[in-house]
């Protein structure tokens, strides 16, 4: 899903990994805040 508004672009990307894991990517710019980048992983152990 892509939204464009007030000069900003936001891609929300649902990802299917070959392993079967679920994925979600957020590419948004420019945001009205500090640089915001990172990741979170949920695993078995």
ModelCIF file with pLDDT and N, C-alpha, C, O atoms, coordinates in Angstrom:
data_MODEL
#
_entry.id   MODEL 
#
_entity.id                         1 
_entity.type                       polymer 
_entity.pdbx_number_of_molecules   1 
#
_entity_poly.entity_id                      1 
_entity_poly.type                           'polypeptide(L)' 
_entity_poly.nstd_linkage                   no 
_entity_poly.nstd_monomer                   no 
_entity_poly.pdbx_seq_one_letter_code       
;(UNK)(UNK)(UNK)(UNK)(UNK)(UNK)(UNK)(UNK)(UNK)(UNK)(UNK)(UNK)(UNK)(UNK)(UNK)(UNK)
(UNK)(UNK)(UNK)(UNK)(UNK)(UNK)(UNK)(UNK)(UNK)(UNK)(UNK)(UNK)(UNK)(UNK)(UNK)(UNK)
(UNK)(UNK)(UNK)(UNK)(UNK)(UNK)(UNK)(UNK)(UNK)(UNK)(UNK)(UNK)(UNK)
;
_entity_poly.pdbx_seq_one_letter_code_can   XXXXXXXXXXXXXXXXXXXXXXXXXXXXXXXXXXXXXXXXXXXXX 
_entity_poly.pdbx_strand_id                 A 
#
loop_
_entity_poly_seq.entity_id 
_entity_poly_seq.num 
_entity_poly_seq.mon_id 
_entity_poly_seq.hetero 
1 1  UNK n 
1 2  UNK n 
1 3  UNK n 
1 4  UNK n 
1 5  UNK n 
1 6  UNK n 
1 7  UNK n 
1 8  UNK n 
1 9  UNK n 
1 10 UNK n 
1 11 UNK n 
1 12 UNK n 
1 13 UNK n 
1 14 UNK n 
1 15 UNK n 
1 16 UNK n 
1 17 UNK n 
1 18 UNK n 
1 19 UNK n 
1 20 UNK n 
1 21 UNK n 
1 22 UNK n 
1 23 UNK n 
1 24 UNK n 
1 25 UNK n 
1 26 UNK n 
1 27 UNK n 
1 28 UNK n 
1 29 UNK n 
1 30 UNK n 
1 31 UNK n 
1 32 UNK n 
1 33 UNK n 
1 34 UNK n 
1 35 UNK n 
1 36 UNK n 
1 37 UNK n 
1 38 UNK n 
1 39 UNK n 
1 40 UNK n 
1 41 UNK n 
1 42 UNK n 
1 43 UNK n 
1 44 UNK n 
1 45 UNK n 
#
_struct_asym.id          A 
_struct_asym.entity_id   1 
#
loop_
_ma_qa_metric.id 
_ma_qa_metric.mode 
_ma_qa_metric.name 
_ma_qa_metric.software_group_id 
_ma_qa_metric.type 
1 global pLDDT . pLDDT 
2 local  pLDDT . pLDDT 
#
_ma_qa_metric_global.metric_id      1 
_ma_qa_metric_global.metric_value   97.82 
_ma_qa_metric_global.model_id       1 
_ma_qa_metric_global.ordinal_id     1 
#
loop_
_ma_qa_metric_local.label_asym_id 
_ma_qa_metric_local.label_comp_id 
_ma_qa_metric_local.label_seq_id 
_ma_qa_metric_local.metric_id 
_ma_qa_metric_local.metric_value 
_ma_qa_metric_local.model_id 
_ma_qa_metric_local.ordinal_id 
A UNK 1  2 98.00 1 1  
A UNK 2  2 98.00 1 2  
A UNK 3  2 98.00 1 3  
A UNK 4  2 98.00 1 4  
A UNK 5  2 98.00 1 5  
A UNK 6  2 97.00 1 6  
A UNK 7  2 95.00 1 7  
A UNK 8  2 97.00 1 8  
A UNK 9  2 98.00 1 9  
A UNK 10 2 98.00 1 10 
A UNK 11 2 98.00 1 11 
A UNK 12 2 98.00 1 12 
A UNK 13 2 98.00 1 13 
A UNK 14 2 98.00 1 14 
A UNK 15 2 98.00 1 15 
A UNK 16 2 98.00 1 16 
A UNK 17 2 98.00 1 17 
A UNK 18 2 98.00 1 18 
A UNK 19 2 98.00 1 19 
A UNK 20 2 98.00 1 20 
A UNK 21 2 98.00 1 21 
A UNK 22 2 98.00 1 22 
A UNK 23 2 98.00 1 23 
A UNK 24 2 98.00 1 24 
A UNK 25 2 99.00 1 25 
A UNK 26 2 98.00 1 26 
A UNK 27 2 98.00 1 27 
A UNK 28 2 98.00 1 28 
A UNK 29 2 97.00 1 29 
A UNK 30 2 97.00 1 30 
A UNK 31 2 98.00 1 31 
A UNK 32 2 97.00 1 32 
A UNK 33 2 97.00 1 33 
A UNK 34 2 97.00 1 34 
A UNK 35 2 98.00 1 35 
A UNK 36 2 97.00 1 36 
A UNK 37 2 98.00 1 37 
A UNK 38 2 98.00 1 38 
A UNK 39 2 99.00 1 39 
A UNK 40 2 98.00 1 40 
A UNK 41 2 99.00 1 41 
A UNK 42 2 98.00 1 42 
A UNK 43 2 98.00 1 43 
A UNK 44 2 98.00 1 44 
A UNK 45 2 98.00 1 45 
#
loop_
_atom_site.group_PDB 
_atom_site.id 
_atom_site.type_symbol 
_atom_site.label_atom_id 
_atom_site.label_alt_id 
_atom_site.label_comp_id 
_atom_site.label_asym_id 
_atom_site.label_entity_id 
_atom_site.label_seq_id 
_atom_site.pdbx_PDB_ins_code 
_atom_site.Cartn_x 
_atom_site.Cartn_y 
_atom_site.Cartn_z 
_atom_site.occupancy 
_atom_site.B_iso_or_equiv 
_atom_site.pdbx_formal_charge 
_atom_site.auth_seq_id 
_atom_site.auth_comp_id 
_atom_site.auth_asym_id 
_atom_site.auth_atom_id 
_atom_site.pdbx_PDB_model_num 
ATOM 1   N N  . UNK A 1 1  ? 0.863  -1.183  0.000  1.00 98.00 ? 1  UNK A N  1 
ATOM 2   C CA . UNK A 1 1  ? 0.000  0.000   0.000  1.00 98.00 ? 1  UNK A CA 1 
ATOM 3   C C  . UNK A 1 1  ? 0.898  1.230   0.000  1.00 98.00 ? 1  UNK A C  1 
ATOM 4   O O  . UNK A 1 1  ? 1.882  1.289   0.736  1.00 98.00 ? 1  UNK A O  1 
ATOM 5   N N  . UNK A 1 2  ? 0.553  2.208   -0.828 1.00 98.00 ? 2  UNK A N  1 
ATOM 6   C CA . UNK A 1 2  ? 1.324  3.445   -0.927 1.00 98.00 ? 2  UNK A CA 1 
ATOM 7   C C  . UNK A 1 2  ? 0.394  4.632   -0.754 1.00 98.00 ? 2  UNK A C  1 
ATOM 8   O O  . UNK A 1 2  ? -0.670 4.703   -1.367 1.00 98.00 ? 2  UNK A O  1 
ATOM 9   N N  . UNK A 1 3  ? 0.815  5.562   0.092  1.00 98.00 ? 3  UNK A N  1 
ATOM 10  C CA . UNK A 1 3  ? 0.064  6.808   0.238  1.00 98.00 ? 3  UNK A CA 1 
ATOM 11  C C  . UNK A 1 3  ? 1.015  7.985   0.050  1.00 98.00 ? 3  UNK A C  1 
ATOM 12  O O  . UNK A 1 3  ? 2.133  7.984   0.565  1.00 98.00 ? 3  UNK A O  1 
ATOM 13  N N  . UNK A 1 4  ? 0.554  8.992   -0.697 1.00 98.00 ? 4  UNK A N  1 
ATOM 14  C CA . UNK A 1 4  ? 1.284  10.239  -0.887 1.00 98.00 ? 4  UNK A CA 1 
ATOM 15  C C  . UNK A 1 4  ? 0.438  11.365  -0.311 1.00 98.00 ? 4  UNK A C  1 
ATOM 16  O O  . UNK A 1 4  ? -0.733 11.509  -0.660 1.00 98.00 ? 4  UNK A O  1 
ATOM 17  N N  . UNK A 1 5  ? 1.034  12.162  0.571  1.00 98.00 ? 5  UNK A N  1 
ATOM 18  C CA . UNK A 1 5  ? 0.298  13.271  1.174  1.00 98.00 ? 5  UNK A CA 1 
ATOM 19  C C  . UNK A 1 5  ? 1.294  14.297  1.714  1.00 98.00 ? 5  UNK A C  1 
ATOM 20  O O  . UNK A 1 5  ? 2.361  13.930  2.208  1.00 98.00 ? 5  UNK A O  1 
ATOM 21  N N  . UNK A 1 6  ? 0.953  15.557  1.620  1.00 97.00 ? 6  UNK A N  1 
ATOM 22  C CA . UNK A 1 6  ? 1.750  16.710  2.067  1.00 97.00 ? 6  UNK A CA 1 
ATOM 23  C C  . UNK A 1 6  ? 3.235  16.580  1.732  1.00 97.00 ? 6  UNK A C  1 
ATOM 24  O O  . UNK A 1 6  ? 4.098  16.940  2.533  1.00 97.00 ? 6  UNK A O  1 
ATOM 25  N N  . UNK A 1 7  ? 3.521  16.056  0.526  1.00 95.00 ? 7  UNK A N  1 
ATOM 26  C CA . UNK A 1 7  ? 4.897  15.908  0.083  1.00 95.00 ? 7  UNK A CA 1 
ATOM 27  C C  . UNK A 1 7  ? 5.625  14.721  0.655  1.00 95.00 ? 7  UNK A C  1 
ATOM 28  O O  . UNK A 1 7  ? 6.831  14.586  0.448  1.00 95.00 ? 7  UNK A O  1 
ATOM 29  N N  . UNK A 1 8  ? 4.934  13.854  1.367  1.00 97.00 ? 8  UNK A N  1 
ATOM 30  C CA . UNK A 1 8  ? 5.538  12.664  1.956  1.00 97.00 ? 8  UNK A CA 1 
ATOM 31  C C  . UNK A 1 8  ? 5.000  11.415  1.279  1.00 97.00 ? 8  UNK A C  1 
ATOM 32  O O  . UNK A 1 8  ? 3.885  11.398  0.757  1.00 97.00 ? 8  UNK A O  1 
ATOM 33  N N  . UNK A 1 9  ? 5.827  10.363  1.301  1.00 98.00 ? 9  UNK A N  1 
ATOM 34  C CA . UNK A 1 9  ? 5.462  9.084   0.690  1.00 98.00 ? 9  UNK A CA 1 
ATOM 35  C C  . UNK A 1 9  ? 5.581  7.991   1.751  1.00 98.00 ? 9  UNK A C  1 
ATOM 36  O O  . UNK A 1 9  ? 6.542  7.955   2.519  1.00 98.00 ? 9  UNK A O  1 
ATOM 37  N N  . UNK A 1 10 ? 4.596  7.110   1.778  1.00 98.00 ? 10 UNK A N  1 
ATOM 38  C CA . UNK A 1 10 ? 4.604  6.012   2.746  1.00 98.00 ? 10 UNK A CA 1 
ATOM 39  C C  . UNK A 1 10 ? 4.264  4.702   2.040  1.00 98.00 ? 10 UNK A C  1 
ATOM 40  O O  . UNK A 1 10 ? 3.161  4.519   1.525  1.00 98.00 ? 10 UNK A O  1 
ATOM 41  N N  . UNK A 1 11 ? 5.239  3.803   2.032  1.00 98.00 ? 11 UNK A N  1 
ATOM 42  C CA . UNK A 1 11 ? 5.011  2.451   1.531  1.00 98.00 ? 11 UNK A CA 1 
ATOM 43  C C  . UNK A 1 11 ? 4.901  1.508   2.725  1.00 98.00 ? 11 UNK A C  1 
ATOM 44  O O  . UNK A 1 11 ? 5.829  1.424   3.530  1.00 98.00 ? 11 UNK A O  1 
ATOM 45  N N  . UNK A 1 12 ? 3.788  0.801   2.851  1.00 98.00 ? 12 UNK A N  1 
ATOM 46  C CA . UNK A 1 12 ? 3.657  -0.313  3.791  1.00 98.00 ? 12 UNK A CA 1 
ATOM 47  C C  . UNK A 1 12 ? 3.706  -1.588  2.957  1.00 98.00 ? 12 UNK A C  1 
ATOM 48  O O  . UNK A 1 12 ? 2.855  -1.818  2.099  1.00 98.00 ? 12 UNK A O  1 
ATOM 49  N N  . UNK A 1 13 ? 4.710  -2.407  3.222  1.00 98.00 ? 13 UNK A N  1 
ATOM 50  C CA . UNK A 1 13 ? 4.979  -3.584  2.391  1.00 98.00 ? 13 UNK A CA 1 
ATOM 51  C C  . UNK A 1 13 ? 4.831  -4.848  3.232  1.00 98.00 ? 13 UNK A C  1 
ATOM 52  O O  . UNK A 1 13 ? 5.630  -5.088  4.136  1.00 98.00 ? 13 UNK A O  1 
ATOM 53  N N  . UNK A 1 14 ? 3.830  -5.643  2.943  1.00 98.00 ? 14 UNK A N  1 
ATOM 54  C CA . UNK A 1 14 ? 3.711  -6.962  3.563  1.00 98.00 ? 14 UNK A CA 1 
ATOM 55  C C  . UNK A 1 14 ? 4.566  -7.929  2.755  1.00 98.00 ? 14 UNK A C  1 
ATOM 56  O O  . UNK A 1 14 ? 4.446  -8.006  1.532  1.00 98.00 ? 14 UNK A O  1 
ATOM 57  N N  . UNK A 1 15 ? 5.429  -8.664  3.450  1.00 98.00 ? 15 UNK A N  1 
ATOM 58  C CA . UNK A 1 15 ? 6.440  -9.499  2.810  1.00 98.00 ? 15 UNK A CA 1 
ATOM 59  C C  . UNK A 1 15 ? 6.192  -10.962 3.138  1.00 98.00 ? 15 UNK A C  1 
ATOM 60  O O  . UNK A 1 15 ? 5.899  -11.321 4.278  1.00 98.00 ? 15 UNK A O  1 
ATOM 61  N N  . UNK A 1 16 ? 6.316  -11.797 2.113  1.00 98.00 ? 16 UNK A N  1 
ATOM 62  C CA . UNK A 1 16 ? 6.341  -13.250 2.316  1.00 98.00 ? 16 UNK A CA 1 
ATOM 63  C C  . UNK A 1 16 ? 7.775  -13.727 2.126  1.00 98.00 ? 16 UNK A C  1 
ATOM 64  O O  . UNK A 1 16 ? 8.327  -13.634 1.030  1.00 98.00 ? 16 UNK A O  1 
ATOM 65  N N  . UNK A 1 17 ? 8.374  -14.239 3.197  1.00 98.00 ? 17 UNK A N  1 
ATOM 66  C CA . UNK A 1 17 ? 9.717  -14.793 3.119  1.00 98.00 ? 17 UNK A CA 1 
ATOM 67  C C  . UNK A 1 17 ? 9.660  -16.262 2.703  1.00 98.00 ? 17 UNK A C  1 
ATOM 68  O O  . UNK A 1 17 ? 8.674  -16.950 2.966  1.00 98.00 ? 17 UNK A O  1 
ATOM 69  N N  . UNK A 1 18 ? 10.714 -16.733 2.059  1.00 98.00 ? 18 UNK A N  1 
ATOM 70  C CA . UNK A 1 18 ? 10.777 -18.122 1.628  1.00 98.00 ? 18 UNK A CA 1 
ATOM 71  C C  . UNK A 1 18 ? 10.687 -19.077 2.820  1.00 98.00 ? 18 UNK A C  1 
ATOM 72  O O  . UNK A 1 18 ? 10.201 -20.199 2.679  1.00 98.00 ? 18 UNK A O  1 
ATOM 73  N N  . UNK A 1 19 ? 11.147 -18.646 3.973  1.00 98.00 ? 19 UNK A N  1 
ATOM 74  C CA . UNK A 1 19 ? 11.115 -19.490 5.175  1.00 98.00 ? 19 UNK A CA 1 
ATOM 75  C C  . UNK A 1 19 ? 9.713  -19.675 5.741  1.00 98.00 ? 19 UNK A C  1 
ATOM 76  O O  . UNK A 1 19 ? 9.487  -20.554 6.572  1.00 98.00 ? 19 UNK A O  1 
ATOM 77  N N  . UNK A 1 20 ? 8.776  -18.851 5.294  1.00 98.00 ? 20 UNK A N  1 
ATOM 78  C CA . UNK A 1 20 ? 7.428  -18.854 5.866  1.00 98.00 ? 20 UNK A CA 1 
ATOM 79  C C  . UNK A 1 20 ? 7.227  -17.758 6.889  1.00 98.00 ? 20 UNK A C  1 
ATOM 80  O O  . UNK A 1 20 ? 6.099  -17.517 7.319  1.00 98.00 ? 20 UNK A O  1 
ATOM 81  N N  . UNK A 1 21 ? 8.310  -17.079 7.294  1.00 98.00 ? 21 UNK A N  1 
ATOM 82  C CA . UNK A 1 21 ? 8.181  -15.980 8.249  1.00 98.00 ? 21 UNK A CA 1 
ATOM 83  C C  . UNK A 1 21 ? 7.371  -14.838 7.633  1.00 98.00 ? 21 UNK A C  1 
ATOM 84  O O  . UNK A 1 21 ? 7.412  -14.603 6.425  1.00 98.00 ? 21 UNK A O  1 
ATOM 85  N N  . UNK A 1 22 ? 6.640  -14.140 8.492  1.00 98.00 ? 22 UNK A N  1 
ATOM 86  C CA . UNK A 1 22 ? 5.908  -12.963 8.052  1.00 98.00 ? 22 UNK A CA 1 
ATOM 87  C C  . UNK A 1 22 ? 6.824  -11.753 8.091  1.00 98.00 ? 22 UNK A C  1 
ATOM 88  O O  . UNK A 1 22 ? 7.738  -11.684 8.912  1.00 98.00 ? 22 UNK A O  1 
ATOM 89  N N  . UNK A 1 23 ? 6.577  -10.795 7.197  1.00 98.00 ? 23 UNK A N  1 
ATOM 90  C CA . UNK A 1 23 ? 7.383  -9.592  7.187  1.00 98.00 ? 23 UNK A CA 1 
ATOM 91  C C  . UNK A 1 23 ? 6.558  -8.355  6.936  1.00 98.00 ? 23 UNK A C  1 
ATOM 92  O O  . UNK A 1 23 ? 5.539  -8.405  6.248  1.00 98.00 ? 23 UNK A O  1 
ATOM 93  N N  . UNK A 1 24 ? 7.002  -7.235  7.500  1.00 98.00 ? 24 UNK A N  1 
ATOM 94  C CA . UNK A 1 24 ? 6.367  -5.944  7.231  1.00 98.00 ? 24 UNK A CA 1 
ATOM 95  C C  . UNK A 1 24 ? 7.458  -4.889  7.144  1.00 98.00 ? 24 UNK A C  1 
ATOM 96  O O  . UNK A 1 24 ? 8.255  -4.730  8.068  1.00 98.00 ? 24 UNK A O  1 
ATOM 97  N N  . UNK A 1 25 ? 7.487  -4.166  6.022  1.00 99.00 ? 25 UNK A N  1 
ATOM 98  C CA . UNK A 1 25 ? 8.460  -3.099  5.808  1.00 99.00 ? 25 UNK A CA 1 
ATOM 99  C C  . UNK A 1 25 ? 7.740  -1.772  5.720  1.00 99.00 ? 25 UNK A C  1 
ATOM 100 O O  . UNK A 1 25 ? 6.685  -1.662  5.096  1.00 99.00 ? 25 UNK A O  1 
ATOM 101 N N  . UNK A 1 26 ? 8.322  -0.762  6.353  1.00 98.00 ? 26 UNK A N  1 
ATOM 102 C CA . UNK A 1 26 ? 7.773  0.592   6.353  1.00 98.00 ? 26 UNK A CA 1 
ATOM 103 C C  . UNK A 1 26 ? 8.838  1.525   5.792  1.00 98.00 ? 26 UNK A C  1 
ATOM 104 O O  . UNK A 1 26 ? 9.868  1.761   6.423  1.00 98.00 ? 26 UNK A O  1 
ATOM 105 N N  . UNK A 1 27 ? 8.576  2.055   4.596  1.00 98.00 ? 27 UNK A N  1 
ATOM 106 C CA . UNK A 1 27 ? 9.444  3.065   3.992  1.00 98.00 ? 27 UNK A CA 1 
ATOM 107 C C  . UNK A 1 27 ? 8.646  4.359   3.927  1.00 98.00 ? 27 UNK A C  1 
ATOM 108 O O  . UNK A 1 27 ? 7.725  4.487   3.120  1.00 98.00 ? 27 UNK A O  1 
ATOM 109 N N  . UNK A 1 28 ? 8.997  5.311   4.773  1.00 98.00 ? 28 UNK A N  1 
ATOM 110 C CA . UNK A 1 28 ? 8.256  6.573   4.848  1.00 98.00 ? 28 UNK A CA 1 
ATOM 111 C C  . UNK A 1 28 ? 9.242  7.725   4.859  1.00 98.00 ? 28 UNK A C  1 
ATOM 112 O O  . UNK A 1 28 ? 10.204 7.731   5.627  1.00 98.00 ? 28 UNK A O  1 
ATOM 113 N N  . UNK A 1 29 ? 8.990  8.711   3.986  1.00 97.00 ? 29 UNK A N  1 
ATOM 114 C CA . UNK A 1 29 ? 9.895  9.847   3.940  1.00 97.00 ? 29 UNK A CA 1 
ATOM 115 C C  . UNK A 1 29 ? 9.292  11.006  3.134  1.00 97.00 ? 29 UNK A C  1 
ATOM 116 O O  . UNK A 1 29 ? 8.587  10.825  2.142  1.00 97.00 ? 29 UNK A O  1 
ATOM 117 N N  . UNK A 1 30 ? 9.618  12.215  3.632  1.00 97.00 ? 30 UNK A N  1 
ATOM 118 C CA . UNK A 1 30 ? 10.332 12.483  4.882  1.00 97.00 ? 30 UNK A CA 1 
ATOM 119 C C  . UNK A 1 30 ? 9.344  12.571  6.050  1.00 97.00 ? 30 UNK A C  1 
ATOM 120 O O  . UNK A 1 30 ? 8.282  13.182  5.935  1.00 97.00 ? 30 UNK A O  1 
ATOM 121 N N  . UNK A 1 31 ? 9.713  11.950  7.177  1.00 98.00 ? 31 UNK A N  1 
ATOM 122 C CA . UNK A 1 31 ? 8.868  12.015  8.361  1.00 98.00 ? 31 UNK A CA 1 
ATOM 123 C C  . UNK A 1 31 ? 9.157  13.293  9.136  1.00 98.00 ? 31 UNK A C  1 
ATOM 124 O O  . UNK A 1 31 ? 10.256 13.843  9.060  1.00 98.00 ? 31 UNK A O  1 
ATOM 125 N N  . UNK A 1 32 ? 8.175  13.751  9.871  1.00 97.00 ? 32 UNK A N  1 
ATOM 126 C CA . UNK A 1 32 ? 8.317  14.952  10.710 1.00 97.00 ? 32 UNK A CA 1 
ATOM 127 C C  . UNK A 1 32 ? 8.722  14.517  12.106 1.00 97.00 ? 32 UNK A C  1 
ATOM 128 O O  . UNK A 1 32 ? 7.937  14.590  13.052 1.00 97.00 ? 32 UNK A O  1 
ATOM 129 N N  . UNK A 1 33 ? 9.947  14.069  12.217 1.00 97.00 ? 33 UNK A N  1 
ATOM 130 C CA . UNK A 1 33 ? 10.510 13.600  13.485 1.00 97.00 ? 33 UNK A CA 1 
ATOM 131 C C  . UNK A 1 33 ? 11.994 13.348  13.227 1.00 97.00 ? 33 UNK A C  1 
ATOM 132 O O  . UNK A 1 33 ? 12.517 13.693  12.168 1.00 97.00 ? 33 UNK A O  1 
ATOM 133 N N  . UNK A 1 34 ? 12.660 12.747  14.201 1.00 97.00 ? 34 UNK A N  1 
ATOM 134 C CA . UNK A 1 34 ? 14.060 12.394  14.017 1.00 97.00 ? 34 UNK A CA 1 
ATOM 135 C C  . UNK A 1 34 ? 14.160 11.239  13.025 1.00 97.00 ? 34 UNK A C  1 
ATOM 136 O O  . UNK A 1 34 ? 13.178 10.541  12.770 1.00 97.00 ? 34 UNK A O  1 
ATOM 137 N N  . UNK A 1 35 ? 15.354 11.043  12.469 1.00 98.00 ? 35 UNK A N  1 
ATOM 138 C CA . UNK A 1 35 ? 15.627 9.865   11.638 1.00 98.00 ? 35 UNK A CA 1 
ATOM 139 C C  . UNK A 1 35 ? 15.137 8.633   12.392 1.00 98.00 ? 35 UNK A C  1 
ATOM 140 O O  . UNK A 1 35 ? 15.471 8.439   13.561 1.00 98.00 ? 35 UNK A O  1 
ATOM 141 N N  . UNK A 1 36 ? 14.341 7.801   11.717 1.00 97.00 ? 36 UNK A N  1 
ATOM 142 C CA . UNK A 1 36 ? 13.681 6.678   12.379 1.00 97.00 ? 36 UNK A CA 1 
ATOM 143 C C  . UNK A 1 36 ? 13.937 5.427   11.552 1.00 97.00 ? 36 UNK A C  1 
ATOM 144 O O  . UNK A 1 36 ? 13.330 5.232   10.499 1.00 97.00 ? 36 UNK A O  1 
ATOM 145 N N  . UNK A 1 37 ? 14.839 4.583   12.035 1.00 98.00 ? 37 UNK A N  1 
ATOM 146 C CA . UNK A 1 37 ? 15.198 3.380   11.297 1.00 98.00 ? 37 UNK A CA 1 
ATOM 147 C C  . UNK A 1 37 ? 15.502 2.265   12.286 1.00 98.00 ? 37 UNK A C  1 
ATOM 148 O O  . UNK A 1 37 ? 16.056 2.506   13.359 1.00 98.00 ? 37 UNK A O  1 
ATOM 149 N N  . UNK A 1 38 ? 15.133 1.034   11.915 1.00 98.00 ? 38 UNK A N  1 
ATOM 150 C CA . UNK A 1 38 ? 15.422 -0.099  12.778 1.00 98.00 ? 38 UNK A CA 1 
ATOM 151 C C  . UNK A 1 38 ? 14.691 -1.341  12.345 1.00 98.00 ? 38 UNK A C  1 
ATOM 152 O O  . UNK A 1 38 ? 14.143 -1.402  11.245 1.00 98.00 ? 38 UNK A O  1 
ATOM 153 N N  . UNK A 1 39 ? 14.683 -2.341  13.220 1.00 99.00 ? 39 UNK A N  1 
ATOM 154 C CA . UNK A 1 39 ? 13.990 -3.592  12.910 1.00 99.00 ? 39 UNK A CA 1 
ATOM 155 C C  . UNK A 1 39 ? 13.679 -4.336  14.203 1.00 99.00 ? 39 UNK A C  1 
ATOM 156 O O  . UNK A 1 39 ? 14.282 -4.099  15.249 1.00 99.00 ? 39 UNK A O  1 
ATOM 157 N N  . UNK A 1 40 ? 12.717 -5.243  14.092 1.00 98.00 ? 40 UNK A N  1 
ATOM 158 C CA . UNK A 1 40 ? 12.310 -6.086  15.211 1.00 98.00 ? 40 UNK A CA 1 
ATOM 159 C C  . UNK A 1 40 ? 12.101 -7.490  14.677 1.00 98.00 ? 40 UNK A C  1 
ATOM 160 O O  . UNK A 1 40 ? 11.471 -7.679  13.637 1.00 98.00 ? 40 UNK A O  1 
ATOM 161 N N  . UNK A 1 41 ? 12.632 -8.476  15.393 1.00 99.00 ? 41 UNK A N  1 
ATOM 162 C CA . UNK A 1 41 ? 12.541 -9.863  14.956 1.00 99.00 ? 41 UNK A CA 1 
ATOM 163 C C  . UNK A 1 41 ? 12.000 -10.701 16.102 1.00 99.00 ? 41 UNK A C  1 
ATOM 164 O O  . UNK A 1 41 ? 12.470 -10.595 17.235 1.00 99.00 ? 41 UNK A O  1 
ATOM 165 N N  . UNK A 1 42 ? 11.016 -11.531 15.805 1.00 98.00 ? 42 UNK A N  1 
ATOM 166 C CA . UNK A 1 42 ? 10.469 -12.470 16.780 1.00 98.00 ? 42 UNK A CA 1 
ATOM 167 C C  . UNK A 1 42 ? 10.917 -13.876 16.396 1.00 98.00 ? 42 UNK A C  1 
ATOM 168 O O  . UNK A 1 42 ? 10.623 -14.345 15.296 1.00 98.00 ? 42 UNK A O  1 
ATOM 169 N N  . UNK A 1 43 ? 11.629 -14.549 17.302 1.00 98.00 ? 43 UNK A N  1 
ATOM 170 C CA . UNK A 1 43 ? 12.148 -15.877 16.993 1.00 98.00 ? 43 UNK A CA 1 
ATOM 171 C C  . UNK A 1 43 ? 11.768 -16.912 18.028 1.00 98.00 ? 43 UNK A C  1 
ATOM 172 O O  . UNK A 1 43 ? 11.183 -16.592 19.063 1.00 98.00 ? 43 UNK A O  1 
ATOM 173 N N  . UNK A 1 44 ? 12.104 -18.140 17.741 1.00 98.00 ? 44 UNK A N  1 
ATOM 174 C CA . UNK A 1 44 ? 11.774 -19.280 18.595 1.00 98.00 ? 44 UNK A CA 1 
ATOM 175 C C  . UNK A 1 44 ? 12.482 -19.211 19.937 1.00 98.00 ? 44 UNK A C  1 
ATOM 176 O O  . UNK A 1 44 ? 11.889 -19.525 20.969 1.00 98.00 ? 44 UNK A O  1 
ATOM 177 N N  . UNK A 1 45 ? 13.747 -18.804 19.933 1.00 98.00 ? 45 UNK A N  1 
ATOM 178 C CA . UNK A 1 45 ? 14.541 -18.803 21.159 1.00 98.00 ? 45 UNK A CA 1 
ATOM 179 C C  . UNK A 1 45 ? 14.975 -17.411 21.593 1.00 98.00 ? 45 UNK A C  1 
ATOM 180 O O  . UNK A 1 45 ? 15.650 -17.264 22.612 1.00 98.00 ? 45 UNK A O  1 
#
